[in-house]
């Protein structure tokens, strides 16, 4: 990410139902996620994403790939 102030990132849930997920990345937010972009422009999100509503899916995104939690 660049030096601009970002407060959230959004994406479609990878479960396939098409819900939009918004993750807070602002330093003062709780819960809060970190997003890093590698040299090939692939995002990594930390910590994992666990949906409490809807599909209730749980996953990591590392280098643009979804890694499902059991």
Protein backbone atom coordinates (compact mmCIF):
# COMPACT_ATOMS: atom_id res chain seq x y z
CA UNK A 1 0.00 0.00 0.00
CA UNK A 2 1.20 3.54 -0.58
CA UNK A 3 1.60 6.35 1.98
CA UNK A 4 -2.02 7.51 1.68
CA UNK A 5 -4.24 6.84 4.68
CA UNK A 6 -6.41 3.78 4.08
CA UNK A 7 -9.09 2.73 6.51
CA UNK A 8 -10.57 -0.36 4.83
CA UNK A 9 -10.25 -2.87 2.02
CA UNK A 10 -13.15 -4.62 0.35
CA UNK A 11 -13.51 -7.85 -1.57
CA UNK A 12 -16.07 -10.42 -2.55
CA UNK A 13 -16.22 -13.40 -0.24
CA UNK A 14 -14.45 -16.34 -1.90
CA UNK A 15 -17.18 -18.75 -0.73
CA UNK A 16 -19.02 -18.18 -4.01
CA UNK A 17 -22.18 -16.49 -2.73
CA UNK A 18 -20.91 -13.04 -3.74
CA UNK A 19 -21.18 -11.22 -0.41
CA UNK A 20 -18.95 -8.19 0.02
CA UNK A 21 -16.45 -8.24 2.89
CA UNK A 22 -15.00 -5.02 4.28
CA UNK A 23 -11.89 -5.30 6.47
CA UNK A 24 -10.70 -2.39 8.59
CA UNK A 25 -7.02 -1.52 8.18
CA UNK A 26 -6.83 1.78 10.10
CA UNK A 27 -4.29 1.68 12.94
CA UNK A 28 -6.92 2.50 15.59
CA UNK A 29 -9.53 -0.03 14.36
CA UNK A 30 -10.47 -3.16 16.29
CA UNK A 31 -10.58 -5.71 14.83
CA UNK A 32 -7.88 -4.71 12.37
CA UNK A 33 -6.16 -6.37 9.42
CA UNK A 34 -2.79 -5.74 7.79
CA UNK A 35 -2.49 -5.86 4.02
CA UNK A 36 0.85 -6.24 2.28
CA UNK A 37 1.47 -6.32 -1.45
CA UNK A 38 4.47 -8.24 -2.79
CA UNK A 39 6.62 -7.34 -5.79
CA UNK A 40 4.25 -9.27 -8.10
CA UNK A 41 1.31 -7.15 -6.78
CA UNK A 42 -0.21 -10.09 -4.86
CA UNK A 43 -1.99 -9.17 -1.61
CA UNK A 44 -1.55 -10.92 1.71
CA UNK A 45 -4.01 -10.24 4.54
CA UNK A 46 -3.23 -10.89 8.19
CA UNK A 47 -4.83 -12.20 10.37
CA UNK A 48 -7.27 -14.66 8.84
CA UNK A 49 -10.80 -13.63 7.84
CA UNK A 50 -13.55 -15.35 9.78
CA UNK A 51 -17.13 -14.46 8.92
CA UNK A 52 -19.51 -14.54 11.87
CA UNK A 53 -22.62 -14.12 9.67
CA UNK A 54 -23.76 -15.44 6.32
CA UNK A 55 -21.59 -18.28 5.05
CA UNK A 56 -19.49 -18.35 8.27
CA UNK A 57 -16.39 -19.14 6.24
CA UNK A 58 -12.84 -18.88 7.60
CA UNK A 59 -9.80 -18.32 5.38
CA UNK A 60 -6.38 -16.71 4.89
CA UNK A 61 -5.27 -14.77 1.84
CA UNK A 62 -1.59 -15.23 1.08
CA UNK A 63 -0.05 -13.97 -2.14
CA UNK A 64 -3.52 -13.60 -3.69
CA UNK A 65 -4.46 -17.23 -2.97
CA UNK A 66 -7.26 -18.27 -0.63
CA UNK A 67 -6.28 -20.85 1.98
CA UNK A 68 -9.35 -22.34 3.67
CA UNK A 69 -9.39 -23.15 7.39
CA UNK A 70 -11.08 -26.31 8.55
